[in-house]
Every structure is written in C-alpha cells, then in structure tokens.
Amino acid sequence: MRTITIILIMLLVGGIEAIYPQETARERIERKRQSESLIQSSATSIRMEQMSRGQDKEIENAKWSRVIYRYLDLSHEANAPLYYTGAHSEGRIDLFSMIFRLLQAQRIQAYEYLDGREEFTEEYLTDFSELLRRFDIYHDTVNGTIVVNDADVPSKEVLGYYLKEAYYFDNTTSTLRVKPLALCPILFRHEEVASSATRYPLFWIPYSELEPYTRRIPVMSSAFNNSISGTIDDFFRKRSYYGEIYKTMNPRNLAISQYTSTPEEMKAEQERIEKELIDFEKLIRSEEKAVTLPRQTSRRGSKRISAGTPSSSGNKHSMRGHRY
C-alpha cells in the first residue's frame, strides 16, 4: 500500500511539472537568447559608438555644470522599468541581469565601489571571479570557464541603483542638458543580526560602457498606455526615473547626510538643491523662448510692451506661470 502511494505521488508531481513549467521554460530560453544576442554584438562597432561621442568634452568645456548623485529605489513605481522579476517576462531581460552577463563575458568594465569617490582606472577594475566570491554568488567552473545559472544571478536582490549625472550648459546650442555618467547596482541582503536589509553597492560602471546595450533593451514606458514603449537608454535620457539626491559634487566631497544633523534638515537640503536645478532649467528655457519670440511693434509707432518683457518701470522678469 505504501509503495502504491509513493508511486501515485511521483506520477502526480511529474504531471504537474509537465503542465506548468512549459511557459516558464519558453520565457527562460527566450531570455537567454536575448542575453546572448546582446553579448555577441560586434565589440568593434560598440567601441566605435562610444568613441564617436563627444559629450564628455562638452561637459568639460561647459560654462556651467553640476554633478548630482541620486538613489533610485526600484520599489518606486517610476523606476519599475529597471526591475523585472521574470513574471510574464515575454523573454525580456532586466537591467542587472544584462550588466551581470556583460561583465561575465568581459564586454564591459566595472570599477570598485569606493566610499566617497569614483576611480575609473585600471587599478580599481572589478574582477568578476572575486565579485562572485565576495558576494557568495553560486557558480561552477567548467573547463576553466565560469558558469552561473540564470536562477543564481542575484537580480531579485538588486533593489536600487546609485546614479551619477551631469547637468551642464551646452555652449553650442545654448541649452541645458542632462547626461547620465555612471551607474552603481545596490544589492540588498538580510543579515542574521540585522533587523533590516543591508545595502551593498556592488561597483560603478561608466554609462558610456552600457549605452550601446541599453539602446537595445525595450521597456514598457507607461502602465496607463501599454502601447508606449522605448528603451532603457530612453528611460535615462528622458529622466523618467525618480531619484532622491544624496550628494552633489562639492569641494569637501561630503554627502548631504554628512553635513546635516536630522532627517528633516536632510530633506530640506535635498528639496533646496532640486529647486535650484529646476529654477535654472526654467531660466534657460525662458531665455530660449525670449530669443525665438518675434518682437511686437505698433502700427502707429507707439511703444508697446509685450507680455513677459521687463518694462521701464523696473518690474522684474517673473518665472511664474512657466511650466517645467
């Protein structure tokens, strides 16, 4: 009787496995295919794309620039396109899985996370095998090649990113531009003695290393209109993310938390910096608008003052009513 029961249970389990994992298996195969397709892209053409960009020099030569550091929390709805759990994935690959596989294939370079600074030099290059060991990521070595199964890639533990971005005034076009400079994935792990998850910043990657690949990864841009689509690169370029400012580049190289005393002070400082950026962008846009607007003249030769133009009475130019 016991033998018959065991056989029935085995048959039942086998039947369930035969019915349900088929869709998951197809998704897994498609995701692996997409990952391999990205990794096998022509390295030569990708490097040529990177070298053809002159935006770094534009920032260096800009009359005004400001470097901002943000924390992107993937639990925030606006940042959802960066985090894909695999459910109903339709073969799509999430950002960290892509980064992980590109590092494994040595298609991109990552640099050690250092407290308070970024050093994109050969001395601080991240070693992939050391990364696996340090963060206890399960893997095998087959004929000298490191093998990591999809299930062991810790993409579900990467719940945030640090983003380094530059706001700068483009001298050529007289416009304000914002460019992502570098990205740092953050691993969240629960320690035995800690009541909450501990953050582990993994490494910094210059965005120029990722851009040729992020241009090829589609994301759903809107939960309201599913017909709107784009790429991860569009997501960063259009600043579709939500990220709290935790640091700006400053002479003392201090994070906001280091020169404020309370959470309230820190929040007020974040809002102050954000407002400065918004106000500066509004100012640039208003200047652009003022240049493009045709000058109004009176038919009878009388002086007329157009809306939004400073009058001789000393009224100041106001930003009120302008949309951001």
Foldseek 3Di string as FASTA:
>chain_A
DVVVVVVVVVVVVVVVVVPPCPVLVVLQVLLVVVLVVLLPPDLVVLVVVLVPDDVVVQQVPFPDKWKFKWKFFCVDPLNVQQADPSVVCSNADHDQVSVLSNVLSVSFWWFADDPLDADPDPVGTDDNVVLCVVVVQDWDADPNHIGHDPVRRVRVQQRMKMWMKMWGQRPVVRAIAIGTFKMWTWGWDDDPPDPGTDIDTRTIGTVSSVVVSQQVGKTQNDPVDSVDIGTSVCCVRVVSTDTFTQAIDDPVSDTLPVPDDDPVSSVVVSVVVVVVVVVVNLVSVVVVVVVPDDDDADPVRDDDDDPQDDDPVPDDRDSPPPDD
